[in-house]
Amino acid sequence: MNAALYRFSRAVVAPGASRYIASLIESRPGRALDVGCGPESPLWSAGMQPFGVDIALDRARAFGPAVVATAASLPFADGVFDSVWSFGLLHHMPDDQARTAIREMRRVTGAGGVTVILDGVLPRQAWSRPLAWLLRRLDRGRWMRQQEALQALFDSPASWRFGRFTYSHTGLEGVICKYAGG
């Protein structure tokens, strides 16, 4: 999917999402990595110049320096990035791969750095957000989870901070998972 088509599909399915997600990004100095960057990293709109990782070369190279790799096997040495980010990736991975990807993101985050993962979640009750529930069921990601199931993927979940938020006019919800420290 090229960047223009990607932006159009987000505007239709999740109006307002790009602006809200950009507001969650704390611009950080140093080397940044966007895991599962897709055709356009939201980190660019926050003034950062991330290195990207994606499984599709044509998508990963669309916004800047990138490498083709899987999130479960990042081709970097331990601790080389000051911040590691992932946006909407985990619901495209089964539990075992998602757990490995989270460990890999922490592995390449340097001491004193931050790892931030944002992923979509199912509404707590389908009837309370029927459009969001339908959009989540139609999502290409086969592993859309409830918040509790997402949090269960993290080793030492007490070391992470989790926050649920609504990020689209259609009622789509996500969870921000943040690990800061050494």
Foldseek 3Di string as FASTA:
>chain_A
DAPVVVVVVCCVLFNQQLVQVLVVDDDDDWEEEEEQCFQHRSVVVNVDDYEYEHQDPVRNPNYHHYDYDHLLDDPDAFARTQEYEYEADLLQDPLVSSLSSVVSRNRNHHAQHKYKYKHWAAPPDCVVQVQQNVSVVVDPRNRHYHPVVVCVSYDPSVQWDKDKDQRGPSRTIMIMIMHGGD
